[in-house]
Protein backbone atom coordinates (compact mmCIF):
# COMPACT_ATOMS: atom_id res chain seq x y z
CA MET A 1 -66.88 3.74 127.62
CA VAL A 2 -70.63 3.63 127.36
CA LEU A 3 -71.75 2.48 123.89
CA GLY A 4 -68.24 3.09 122.58
CA LEU A 5 -68.62 6.85 123.03
CA LYS A 6 -65.71 9.02 124.22
CA SER A 7 -67.61 10.05 127.36
CA ALA A 8 -70.47 8.85 129.51
CA ASN A 9 -71.75 12.44 129.48
CA PHE A 10 -74.11 12.45 126.48
CA THR A 11 -77.65 13.16 125.38
CA ILE A 12 -79.85 11.24 122.98
CA SER A 13 -82.30 12.83 120.55
CA LYS A 14 -84.34 11.78 117.54
CA GLU A 15 -83.80 13.63 114.26
CA ASN A 16 -85.46 12.64 110.97
CA GLU A 17 -86.20 9.10 112.15
CA LYS A 18 -82.59 8.66 113.29
CA ILE A 19 -81.15 8.52 116.79
CA LYS A 20 -78.49 11.15 117.50
CA PHE A 21 -75.95 10.92 120.33
CA THR A 22 -74.41 14.24 121.37
CA VAL A 23 -71.30 13.66 123.47
CA LEU A 24 -70.69 16.42 126.00
CA GLY A 25 -67.33 15.28 127.28
CA ASN A 26 -64.13 13.69 126.13
CA GLY A 27 -63.11 10.94 128.47
CA HIS A 28 -59.46 9.98 128.33
CA GLY A 29 -60.22 6.27 128.26
CA VAL A 30 -57.67 5.57 131.00
CA GLY A 31 -58.49 4.99 134.62
CA MET A 32 -61.73 5.18 136.52
CA SER A 33 -64.87 6.93 135.37
CA GLN A 34 -66.54 8.71 138.26
CA THR A 35 -70.01 8.22 136.83
CA GLY A 36 -69.24 4.58 136.01
CA ALA A 37 -67.92 3.91 139.51
CA ASP A 38 -70.96 5.63 141.02
CA SER A 39 -73.28 3.51 138.90
CA LEU A 40 -71.52 0.30 139.95
CA ALA A 41 -71.67 1.33 143.60
CA LYS A 42 -75.40 1.97 143.29
CA GLN A 43 -75.71 -1.58 141.92
CA GLY A 44 -74.17 -2.82 145.16
CA LYS A 45 -70.66 -3.54 143.88
CA THR A 46 -67.84 -3.42 146.44
CA TYR A 47 -64.88 -1.06 146.09
CA GLN A 48 -62.75 -4.09 145.18
CA GLU A 49 -65.13 -5.07 142.36
CA ILE A 50 -65.22 -1.49 141.10
CA LEU A 51 -61.44 -1.17 141.08
CA LYS A 52 -61.06 -4.49 139.28
CA HIS A 53 -63.63 -3.39 136.70
CA PHE A 54 -61.59 -0.34 135.73
CA TYR A 55 -58.09 -1.72 136.31
CA SER A 56 -57.97 -5.26 134.94
CA GLY A 57 -55.34 -7.61 136.22
CA ILE A 58 -54.82 -5.86 139.55
CA GLU A 59 -54.41 -7.58 142.87
CA ILE A 60 -55.73 -5.95 146.01
CA THR A 61 -53.79 -6.86 149.13
CA LYS A 62 -53.62 -5.66 152.70
CA LEU A 63 -50.48 -3.78 153.66
CA ASN A 64 -48.91 -4.36 157.07
């Protein structure tokens, strides 16, 4: 998760010289984040790279 937060859906504000993160979601921490996958795709990552980012240790093979 982004910055160790439970969701990538958050806002940042400044209160009394402190930074406050308000988390708007509660990601389950398992599987693929849609916003994370979208961000990686916009960086030019392939679908294989994106899948391997979220599911470590997988092997992608072609089925006959």
